[in-house]
Amino acid sequence: MQTLDDMRDRCLLTDEQHAEIGAWVSQARTPEAIMAMPEGLWRTLELASVLMDVDADLTREPFMANC
């Protein structure tokens, strides 16, 4: 949900889109259920993800502190 909050805070999602996507994800029990999100919401989420470069975060090596 933090990513959705970030998308809203950066004005990539409206409050209404944020609420609708959040509700869909909250009720979804499987990844397949999330992927069954209505097409309009899915496109909005996908565009916001591209604009935030979410894929880069997913492919970046995790930060490991030298302790």
Protein backbone atom coordinates (compact mmCIF):
# COMPACT_ATOMS: atom_id res chain seq x y z
CA MET A 1 0.00 0.00 0.00
CA GLN A 2 2.94 2.34 0.50
CA THR A 3 3.57 2.31 -3.25
CA LEU A 4 -0.05 3.30 -3.86
CA ASP A 5 0.32 6.08 -1.29
CA ASP A 6 3.48 7.27 -3.06
CA MET A 7 1.64 7.27 -6.39
CA ARG A 8 -1.16 9.39 -4.92
CA ASP A 9 1.28 11.74 -3.19
CA ARG A 10 3.05 12.31 -6.54
CA CYS A 11 -0.33 13.04 -8.17
CA LEU A 12 -0.08 9.93 -10.38
CA LEU A 13 -3.34 8.62 -8.91
CA THR A 14 -6.40 10.56 -7.85
CA ASP A 15 -7.83 9.98 -4.39
CA GLU A 16 -10.65 8.02 -6.03
CA GLN A 17 -8.25 5.81 -8.06
CA HIS A 18 -6.14 5.24 -4.95
CA ALA A 19 -9.22 4.14 -3.00
CA GLU A 20 -10.52 1.88 -5.79
CA ILE A 21 -7.17 0.19 -6.40
CA GLY A 22 -6.52 -0.14 -2.67
CA ALA A 23 -9.93 -1.75 -2.14
CA TRP A 24 -9.36 -4.16 -5.04
CA VAL A 25 -5.92 -5.22 -3.79
CA SER A 26 -7.18 -5.57 -0.20
CA GLN A 27 -9.93 -7.99 -1.19
CA ALA A 28 -7.79 -9.98 -3.63
CA ARG A 29 -6.55 -13.24 -2.14
CA THR A 30 -4.13 -14.22 -4.91
CA PRO A 31 -1.88 -12.55 -7.47
CA GLU A 32 -4.31 -13.78 -10.13
CA ALA A 33 -7.14 -11.94 -8.40
CA ILE A 34 -5.09 -8.73 -8.42
CA MET A 35 -4.41 -9.24 -12.13
CA ALA A 36 -8.19 -9.47 -12.71
CA MET A 37 -8.52 -5.80 -11.73
CA PRO A 38 -10.82 -3.88 -14.10
CA GLU A 39 -8.95 -2.79 -17.22
CA GLY A 40 -9.24 0.95 -16.60
CA LEU A 41 -7.82 0.69 -13.10
CA TRP A 42 -5.10 -1.67 -14.29
CA ARG A 43 -4.00 0.78 -17.03
CA THR A 44 -3.92 3.62 -14.49
CA LEU A 45 -1.82 1.55 -12.08
CA GLU A 46 0.48 0.41 -14.87
CA LEU A 47 1.07 3.99 -16.09
CA ALA A 48 1.77 5.22 -12.57
CA SER A 49 4.22 2.31 -12.11
CA VAL A 50 6.07 3.25 -15.31
CA LEU A 51 6.23 6.92 -14.32
CA MET A 52 7.65 5.95 -10.91
CA ASP A 53 10.06 3.47 -12.54
CA VAL A 54 8.88 0.71 -10.18
CA ASP A 55 10.54 -1.96 -12.35
CA ALA A 56 13.95 -0.41 -11.67
CA ASP A 57 13.33 -0.80 -7.93
CA LEU A 58 12.43 -4.46 -8.43
CA THR A 59 15.59 -5.24 -10.41
CA ARG A 60 18.02 -3.24 -8.27
CA GLU A 61 20.38 -5.21 -6.03
CA PRO A 62 19.31 -4.98 -2.37
CA PHE A 63 21.35 -2.62 -0.22
CA MET A 64 23.53 -4.55 2.20
CA ALA A 65 25.17 -2.48 4.93
CA ASN A 66 28.61 -3.52 6.10
CA CYS A 67 28.09 -4.00 9.82
